[in-house]
N, C-alpha and C. Protein backbone atom coordinates (compact mmCIF):
# COMPACT_ATOMS: atom_id res chain seq x y z
N MET A 1 37.25 31.11 -1.35
CA MET A 1 38.16 30.34 -2.17
C MET A 1 37.72 28.88 -2.23
N ARG A 2 37.29 28.34 -1.10
CA ARG A 2 36.83 26.95 -1.07
C ARG A 2 35.63 26.75 -1.97
N VAL A 3 34.74 27.72 -1.99
CA VAL A 3 33.54 27.64 -2.81
C VAL A 3 33.92 27.58 -4.29
N ILE A 4 34.87 28.40 -4.68
CA ILE A 4 35.31 28.42 -6.08
C ILE A 4 35.94 27.08 -6.46
N LYS A 5 36.78 26.54 -5.56
CA LYS A 5 37.39 25.23 -5.84
C LYS A 5 36.33 24.15 -5.95
N ALA A 6 35.34 24.20 -5.08
CA ALA A 6 34.27 23.21 -5.12
C ALA A 6 33.48 23.31 -6.42
N LEU A 7 33.20 24.54 -6.83
CA LEU A 7 32.47 24.74 -8.09
C LEU A 7 33.29 24.25 -9.28
N LEU A 8 34.59 24.51 -9.26
CA LEU A 8 35.45 24.05 -10.36
C LEU A 8 35.49 22.53 -10.44
N CYS A 9 35.39 21.87 -9.30
CA CYS A 9 35.37 20.40 -9.29
C CYS A 9 34.01 19.87 -9.75
N LEU A 10 32.95 20.61 -9.46
CA LEU A 10 31.61 20.15 -9.82
C LEU A 10 31.30 20.32 -11.31
N ILE A 11 31.88 21.31 -11.94
CA ILE A 11 31.57 21.58 -13.35
C ILE A 11 31.84 20.37 -14.24
N PRO A 12 33.02 19.72 -14.15
CA PRO A 12 33.21 18.53 -15.01
C PRO A 12 32.23 17.41 -14.68
N CYS A 13 31.90 17.25 -13.41
CA CYS A 13 30.96 16.19 -13.03
C CYS A 13 29.58 16.42 -13.63
N VAL A 14 29.11 17.65 -13.52
CA VAL A 14 27.80 17.99 -14.06
C VAL A 14 27.80 17.85 -15.58
N THR A 15 28.86 18.32 -16.22
CA THR A 15 28.95 18.22 -17.67
C THR A 15 28.95 16.77 -18.12
N MET A 16 29.71 15.92 -17.44
CA MET A 16 29.77 14.51 -17.81
C MET A 16 28.42 13.84 -17.59
N SER A 17 27.75 14.17 -16.51
CA SER A 17 26.45 13.54 -16.25
C SER A 17 25.42 13.96 -17.29
N LEU A 18 25.48 15.23 -17.73
CA LEU A 18 24.56 15.68 -18.76
C LEU A 18 24.84 14.98 -20.09
N CYS A 19 26.10 14.81 -20.42
CA CYS A 19 26.47 14.11 -21.65
C CYS A 19 26.03 12.65 -21.57
N TYR A 20 26.22 12.03 -20.41
CA TYR A 20 25.80 10.65 -20.24
C TYR A 20 24.30 10.52 -20.38
N ALA A 21 23.57 11.43 -19.78
CA ALA A 21 22.11 11.38 -19.87
C ALA A 21 21.66 11.49 -21.31
N ASP A 22 22.34 12.32 -22.09
CA ASP A 22 22.00 12.47 -23.50
C ASP A 22 22.27 11.20 -24.28
N SER A 23 23.41 10.56 -24.01
CA SER A 23 23.79 9.38 -24.77
C SER A 23 23.12 8.12 -24.26
N ALA A 24 22.56 8.16 -23.06
CA ALA A 24 21.96 6.97 -22.48
C ALA A 24 20.71 6.54 -23.23
N GLY A 25 20.08 7.44 -23.92
CA GLY A 25 18.90 7.08 -24.69
C GLY A 25 17.64 7.59 -24.04
N ASP A 26 16.67 7.88 -24.88
CA ASP A 26 15.43 8.43 -24.39
C ASP A 26 14.56 7.39 -23.69
N ASP A 27 14.78 6.13 -24.01
CA ASP A 27 13.95 5.09 -23.45
C ASP A 27 14.49 4.53 -22.14
N ASP A 28 15.55 5.14 -21.61
CA ASP A 28 16.15 4.63 -20.39
C ASP A 28 15.15 4.56 -19.25
N CYS A 29 14.29 5.56 -19.13
CA CYS A 29 13.34 5.57 -18.02
C CYS A 29 12.32 4.43 -18.16
N LEU A 30 12.11 3.96 -19.38
CA LEU A 30 11.15 2.87 -19.59
C LEU A 30 11.63 1.57 -18.95
N LYS A 31 12.94 1.46 -18.77
CA LYS A 31 13.50 0.26 -18.13
C LYS A 31 13.30 0.31 -16.62
N HIS A 32 12.96 1.49 -16.13
CA HIS A 32 12.86 1.68 -14.68
C HIS A 32 11.56 2.39 -14.32
N LEU A 33 10.45 1.95 -14.85
CA LEU A 33 9.18 2.59 -14.50
C LEU A 33 8.96 2.47 -13.00
N SER A 34 8.52 3.54 -12.42
CA SER A 34 8.51 3.64 -10.96
C SER A 34 7.22 3.19 -10.30
N GLY A 35 6.13 3.15 -11.04
CA GLY A 35 4.85 2.89 -10.41
C GLY A 35 4.19 4.18 -9.94
N SER A 36 4.92 5.27 -10.07
CA SER A 36 4.36 6.58 -9.75
C SER A 36 3.69 7.12 -11.01
N SER A 37 2.43 7.47 -10.89
CA SER A 37 1.69 7.91 -12.06
C SER A 37 2.34 9.11 -12.73
N SER A 38 2.78 10.08 -11.96
CA SER A 38 3.38 11.28 -12.55
C SER A 38 4.69 10.96 -13.24
N MET A 39 5.54 10.18 -12.60
CA MET A 39 6.84 9.87 -13.19
C MET A 39 6.69 8.98 -14.42
N ASP A 40 5.83 7.99 -14.36
CA ASP A 40 5.65 7.08 -15.49
C ASP A 40 5.03 7.82 -16.67
N THR A 41 4.05 8.68 -16.41
CA THR A 41 3.43 9.45 -17.48
C THR A 41 4.48 10.34 -18.14
N SER A 42 5.27 11.01 -17.34
CA SER A 42 6.33 11.88 -17.89
C SER A 42 7.32 11.07 -18.71
N CYS A 43 7.64 9.87 -18.25
CA CYS A 43 8.56 9.00 -18.98
C CYS A 43 7.98 8.63 -20.34
N TYR A 44 6.75 8.14 -20.35
CA TYR A 44 6.12 7.73 -21.61
C TYR A 44 6.00 8.90 -22.58
N LEU A 45 5.51 10.03 -22.09
CA LEU A 45 5.29 11.17 -22.97
C LEU A 45 6.62 11.78 -23.44
N GLY A 46 7.62 11.80 -22.57
CA GLY A 46 8.94 12.29 -22.97
C GLY A 46 9.58 11.39 -24.01
N SER A 47 9.46 10.09 -23.81
CA SER A 47 10.00 9.14 -24.79
C SER A 47 9.25 9.22 -26.11
N ALA A 48 7.94 9.43 -26.03
CA ALA A 48 7.14 9.58 -27.25
C ALA A 48 7.56 10.83 -28.02
N ASP A 49 7.82 11.93 -27.31
CA ASP A 49 8.28 13.16 -27.96
C ASP A 49 9.62 12.94 -28.65
N ALA A 50 10.52 12.22 -27.97
CA ALA A 50 11.83 11.95 -28.56
C ALA A 50 11.69 11.10 -29.83
N LEU A 51 10.80 10.10 -29.77
CA LEU A 51 10.57 9.27 -30.94
C LEU A 51 9.94 10.07 -32.08
N GLN A 52 9.07 10.99 -31.73
CA GLN A 52 8.42 11.81 -32.76
C GLN A 52 9.46 12.65 -33.48
N LYS A 53 10.42 13.19 -32.74
CA LYS A 53 11.49 13.99 -33.36
C LYS A 53 12.36 13.12 -34.26
N LYS A 54 12.70 11.91 -33.78
CA LYS A 54 13.49 11.00 -34.60
C LYS A 54 12.73 10.60 -35.86
N SER A 55 11.43 10.40 -35.73
CA SER A 55 10.60 10.04 -36.88
C SER A 55 10.56 11.17 -37.90
N ALA A 56 10.42 12.40 -37.41
CA ALA A 56 10.39 13.54 -38.32
C ALA A 56 11.71 13.68 -39.08
N GLU A 57 12.82 13.49 -38.38
CA GLU A 57 14.13 13.56 -39.02
C GLU A 57 14.27 12.46 -40.09
N LEU A 58 13.85 11.25 -39.74
CA LEU A 58 13.94 10.13 -40.67
C LEU A 58 13.02 10.34 -41.87
N ALA A 59 11.82 10.85 -41.62
CA ALA A 59 10.89 11.11 -42.72
C ALA A 59 11.45 12.17 -43.66
N ASN A 60 12.09 13.19 -43.12
CA ASN A 60 12.72 14.22 -43.96
C ASN A 60 13.86 13.63 -44.79
N LYS A 61 14.61 12.74 -44.17
CA LYS A 61 15.71 12.08 -44.88
C LYS A 61 15.16 11.21 -46.02
N LEU A 62 14.08 10.49 -45.74
CA LEU A 62 13.46 9.66 -46.78
C LEU A 62 12.86 10.51 -47.88
N ALA A 63 12.21 11.59 -47.50
CA ALA A 63 11.59 12.48 -48.49
C ALA A 63 12.62 13.04 -49.45
N ALA A 64 13.82 13.26 -48.95
CA ALA A 64 14.88 13.79 -49.80
C ALA A 64 15.33 12.78 -50.86
N THR A 65 15.07 11.50 -50.64
CA THR A 65 15.48 10.48 -51.61
C THR A 65 14.40 10.22 -52.66
N ILE A 66 13.19 10.71 -52.42
CA ILE A 66 12.08 10.48 -53.36
C ILE A 66 12.19 11.50 -54.49
N PRO A 67 12.18 11.03 -55.73
CA PRO A 67 12.30 11.97 -56.86
C PRO A 67 11.17 12.98 -56.87
N ARG A 68 11.50 14.18 -57.33
CA ARG A 68 10.51 15.27 -57.42
C ARG A 68 9.36 14.82 -58.32
N GLY A 69 8.13 15.10 -57.87
CA GLY A 69 6.94 14.76 -58.64
C GLY A 69 6.44 13.34 -58.42
N ASN A 70 7.20 12.54 -57.67
CA ASN A 70 6.79 11.16 -57.38
C ASN A 70 5.68 11.19 -56.34
N PRO A 71 4.56 10.46 -56.58
CA PRO A 71 3.44 10.50 -55.63
C PRO A 71 3.76 9.93 -54.25
N ASN A 72 4.86 9.21 -54.12
CA ASN A 72 5.22 8.65 -52.82
C ASN A 72 5.63 9.72 -51.81
N ALA A 73 6.06 10.87 -52.30
CA ALA A 73 6.38 11.97 -51.38
C ALA A 73 5.12 12.42 -50.64
N ALA A 74 4.02 12.53 -51.37
CA ALA A 74 2.75 12.91 -50.74
C ALA A 74 2.26 11.79 -49.81
N LEU A 75 2.50 10.56 -50.21
CA LEU A 75 2.08 9.42 -49.37
C LEU A 75 2.85 9.40 -48.05
N LEU A 76 4.14 9.69 -48.12
CA LEU A 76 4.96 9.75 -46.90
C LEU A 76 4.46 10.88 -45.99
N LYS A 77 4.17 12.02 -46.58
CA LYS A 77 3.65 13.15 -45.80
C LYS A 77 2.31 12.79 -45.15
N GLU A 78 1.46 12.10 -45.91
CA GLU A 78 0.17 11.67 -45.37
C GLU A 78 0.36 10.67 -44.23
N PHE A 79 1.33 9.77 -44.37
CA PHE A 79 1.62 8.81 -43.30
C PHE A 79 1.99 9.54 -42.01
N MET A 80 2.84 10.54 -42.11
CA MET A 80 3.26 11.29 -40.93
C MET A 80 2.08 12.03 -40.30
N SER A 81 1.25 12.65 -41.12
CA SER A 81 0.08 13.36 -40.60
C SER A 81 -0.91 12.40 -39.97
N SER A 82 -1.09 11.27 -40.60
CA SER A 82 -2.02 10.26 -40.08
C SER A 82 -1.55 9.74 -38.72
N ALA A 83 -0.26 9.54 -38.57
CA ALA A 83 0.28 9.09 -37.29
C ALA A 83 0.02 10.12 -36.20
N ASP A 84 0.18 11.39 -36.54
CA ASP A 84 -0.10 12.46 -35.56
C ASP A 84 -1.58 12.46 -35.18
N ARG A 85 -2.45 12.33 -36.17
CA ARG A 85 -3.89 12.36 -35.89
C ARG A 85 -4.34 11.14 -35.09
N SER A 86 -3.67 10.02 -35.26
CA SER A 86 -4.09 8.79 -34.56
C SER A 86 -3.91 8.88 -33.05
N LEU A 87 -3.09 9.81 -32.60
CA LEU A 87 -2.86 9.93 -31.15
C LEU A 87 -4.13 10.29 -30.39
N ARG A 88 -5.05 10.95 -31.05
CA ARG A 88 -6.28 11.36 -30.35
C ARG A 88 -7.08 10.13 -29.90
N PHE A 89 -6.89 8.99 -30.56
CA PHE A 89 -7.61 7.79 -30.18
C PHE A 89 -7.11 7.21 -28.86
N CYS A 90 -5.96 7.65 -28.39
CA CYS A 90 -5.46 7.21 -27.09
C CYS A 90 -6.36 7.71 -25.97
N THR A 91 -7.15 8.74 -26.23
CA THR A 91 -8.11 9.23 -25.25
C THR A 91 -9.12 8.14 -24.90
N LEU A 92 -9.43 7.28 -25.86
CA LEU A 92 -10.34 6.16 -25.58
C LEU A 92 -9.78 5.27 -24.48
N ASN A 93 -8.49 4.97 -24.54
CA ASN A 93 -7.86 4.15 -23.51
C ASN A 93 -7.99 4.80 -22.14
N LYS A 94 -7.74 6.10 -22.11
CA LYS A 94 -7.77 6.82 -20.84
C LYS A 94 -9.18 6.88 -20.26
N GLN A 95 -10.14 7.22 -21.09
CA GLN A 95 -11.48 7.44 -20.56
C GLN A 95 -12.29 6.16 -20.39
N ALA A 96 -11.89 5.08 -21.04
CA ALA A 96 -12.57 3.80 -20.82
C ALA A 96 -12.41 3.38 -19.36
N GLY A 97 -11.23 3.62 -18.82
CA GLY A 97 -10.97 3.23 -17.43
C GLY A 97 -11.55 4.18 -16.41
N SER A 98 -11.92 5.36 -16.84
CA SER A 98 -12.46 6.34 -15.88
C SER A 98 -13.95 6.55 -16.10
N GLY A 99 -14.63 5.49 -16.53
CA GLY A 99 -16.09 5.55 -16.69
C GLY A 99 -16.51 6.43 -17.85
N TRP A 100 -15.68 6.52 -18.87
CA TRP A 100 -15.96 7.31 -20.07
C TRP A 100 -16.09 8.80 -19.78
N GLU A 101 -15.49 9.22 -18.68
CA GLU A 101 -15.48 10.64 -18.31
C GLU A 101 -14.03 11.11 -18.22
N PRO A 102 -13.80 12.39 -18.50
CA PRO A 102 -12.43 12.91 -18.30
C PRO A 102 -12.04 12.78 -16.83
N SER A 103 -10.81 12.33 -16.59
CA SER A 103 -10.34 12.22 -15.20
C SER A 103 -9.61 13.50 -14.83
N GLU A 104 -9.74 13.88 -13.60
CA GLU A 104 -9.14 15.12 -13.12
C GLU A 104 -7.65 14.95 -12.94
N THR A 105 -6.87 15.78 -13.61
CA THR A 105 -5.43 15.77 -13.45
C THR A 105 -4.93 17.20 -13.55
N GLY A 106 -3.68 17.37 -13.21
CA GLY A 106 -3.05 18.66 -13.32
C GLY A 106 -1.64 18.48 -13.83
N LEU A 107 -0.87 19.55 -13.88
CA LEU A 107 0.49 19.45 -14.37
C LEU A 107 1.35 18.53 -13.52
N ASN A 108 1.20 18.61 -12.21
CA ASN A 108 2.04 17.82 -11.30
C ASN A 108 1.29 16.66 -10.67
N VAL A 109 0.01 16.55 -10.94
CA VAL A 109 -0.78 15.47 -10.36
C VAL A 109 -1.32 14.62 -11.50
N ARG A 110 -0.88 13.38 -11.57
CA ARG A 110 -1.32 12.46 -12.62
C ARG A 110 -1.96 11.26 -11.96
N ASN A 111 -2.81 10.59 -12.70
CA ASN A 111 -3.41 9.37 -12.17
C ASN A 111 -3.10 8.21 -13.11
N MET A 112 -3.56 7.03 -12.76
CA MET A 112 -3.21 5.85 -13.55
C MET A 112 -3.76 5.92 -14.97
N TRP A 113 -4.81 6.66 -15.19
CA TRP A 113 -5.37 6.78 -16.54
C TRP A 113 -4.45 7.63 -17.42
N ASP A 114 -3.74 8.56 -16.82
CA ASP A 114 -2.75 9.34 -17.56
C ASP A 114 -1.60 8.44 -18.01
N VAL A 115 -1.21 7.49 -17.16
CA VAL A 115 -0.15 6.55 -17.52
C VAL A 115 -0.60 5.71 -18.71
N ILE A 116 -1.84 5.26 -18.68
CA ILE A 116 -2.37 4.45 -19.77
C ILE A 116 -2.39 5.26 -21.06
N TYR A 117 -2.78 6.51 -20.97
CA TYR A 117 -2.77 7.40 -22.13
C TYR A 117 -1.33 7.59 -22.64
N GLY A 118 -0.41 7.88 -21.74
CA GLY A 118 0.99 8.08 -22.12
C GLY A 118 1.59 6.85 -22.77
N GLU A 119 1.27 5.69 -22.24
CA GLU A 119 1.77 4.44 -22.83
C GLU A 119 1.22 4.25 -24.24
N CYS A 120 -0.04 4.57 -24.44
CA CYS A 120 -0.66 4.48 -25.76
C CYS A 120 0.03 5.40 -26.75
N VAL A 121 0.27 6.64 -26.35
CA VAL A 121 0.95 7.61 -27.22
C VAL A 121 2.35 7.10 -27.56
N TYR A 122 3.06 6.60 -26.56
CA TYR A 122 4.40 6.07 -26.79
C TYR A 122 4.37 4.90 -27.78
N ASN A 123 3.41 4.00 -27.60
CA ASN A 123 3.32 2.83 -28.49
C ASN A 123 3.02 3.25 -29.93
N ARG A 124 2.15 4.24 -30.12
CA ARG A 124 1.86 4.73 -31.48
C ARG A 124 3.10 5.33 -32.11
N ARG A 125 3.85 6.11 -31.34
CA ARG A 125 5.09 6.72 -31.85
C ARG A 125 6.14 5.65 -32.17
N LYS A 126 6.19 4.63 -31.33
CA LYS A 126 7.14 3.54 -31.56
C LYS A 126 6.80 2.80 -32.86
N GLU A 127 5.51 2.57 -33.10
CA GLU A 127 5.07 1.93 -34.35
C GLU A 127 5.42 2.79 -35.56
N GLN A 128 5.20 4.09 -35.44
CA GLN A 128 5.51 5.03 -36.53
C GLN A 128 7.00 4.97 -36.86
N TYR A 129 7.84 5.04 -35.85
CA TYR A 129 9.28 5.03 -36.06
C TYR A 129 9.74 3.70 -36.65
N ALA A 130 9.19 2.59 -36.15
CA ALA A 130 9.55 1.27 -36.67
C ALA A 130 9.19 1.15 -38.15
N HIS A 131 8.04 1.68 -38.52
CA HIS A 131 7.62 1.63 -39.92
C HIS A 131 8.56 2.46 -40.81
N LEU A 132 8.96 3.61 -40.32
CA LEU A 132 9.90 4.44 -41.07
C LEU A 132 11.26 3.76 -41.21
N LEU A 133 11.69 3.05 -40.17
CA LEU A 133 12.95 2.31 -40.26
C LEU A 133 12.86 1.20 -41.30
N GLU A 134 11.70 0.54 -41.38
CA GLU A 134 11.49 -0.49 -42.41
C GLU A 134 11.59 0.12 -43.80
N ILE A 135 10.97 1.27 -43.98
CA ILE A 135 11.02 1.96 -45.27
C ILE A 135 12.46 2.33 -45.60
N GLU A 136 13.19 2.83 -44.61
CA GLU A 136 14.59 3.21 -44.83
C GLU A 136 15.41 1.98 -45.26
N ASP A 137 15.22 0.85 -44.59
CA ASP A 137 15.94 -0.37 -44.95
C ASP A 137 15.63 -0.79 -46.39
N LEU A 138 14.37 -0.71 -46.76
CA LEU A 138 13.98 -1.07 -48.12
C LEU A 138 14.57 -0.10 -49.14
N GLU A 139 14.59 1.17 -48.78
CA GLU A 139 15.15 2.19 -49.68
C GLU A 139 16.64 1.96 -49.86
N LYS A 140 17.34 1.56 -48.83
CA LYS A 140 18.79 1.30 -48.90
C LYS A 140 19.10 0.11 -49.81
N MET A 141 18.16 -0.85 -49.87
CA MET A 141 18.38 -2.02 -50.72
C MET A 141 18.51 -1.62 -52.19
N ASN A 142 17.90 -0.54 -52.57
CA ASN A 142 17.90 -0.08 -53.96
C ASN A 142 19.13 0.72 -54.33
N GLN A 143 19.92 1.10 -53.33
CA GLN A 143 21.10 1.93 -53.59
C GLN A 143 22.29 1.04 -53.94
N PRO A 144 23.11 1.46 -54.89
CA PRO A 144 24.31 0.68 -55.22
C PRO A 144 25.31 0.72 -54.05
N SER A 145 26.07 -0.34 -53.92
CA SER A 145 27.09 -0.39 -52.87
C SER A 145 28.18 0.63 -53.13
N GLN A 146 28.67 1.20 -52.06
CA GLN A 146 29.71 2.23 -52.21
C GLN A 146 31.03 1.73 -51.69
């Protein structure tokens, strides 16, 4: 009986903490980088993934406002693809520091070059999202006030 009561008390706590973690923002870990290569790499790459999803949603929203047959729809699609392809250049950052050779890492073992790579990926995603936000602001300027 005690176990059931304890579990019933824990359920709201766990639920609230999960909701808080969701609303706290994806970049929360960036405010508290630990100096641990594995944790920092996970933070950068996780935040980059979250930004990529937000960028894709925003790009879809913008694409929906572009008239059918307008060449800017293809240009927006090319921008998104180009941003994805540019991530491969982050390998230069990683391998420059490791003597231009791949550094040994694993799923749970990261080194400082992985952090540098993760930070590069995050920065590229942040630039992509910022550019899309600028486009959205410009697009909104053309809409009549409601």
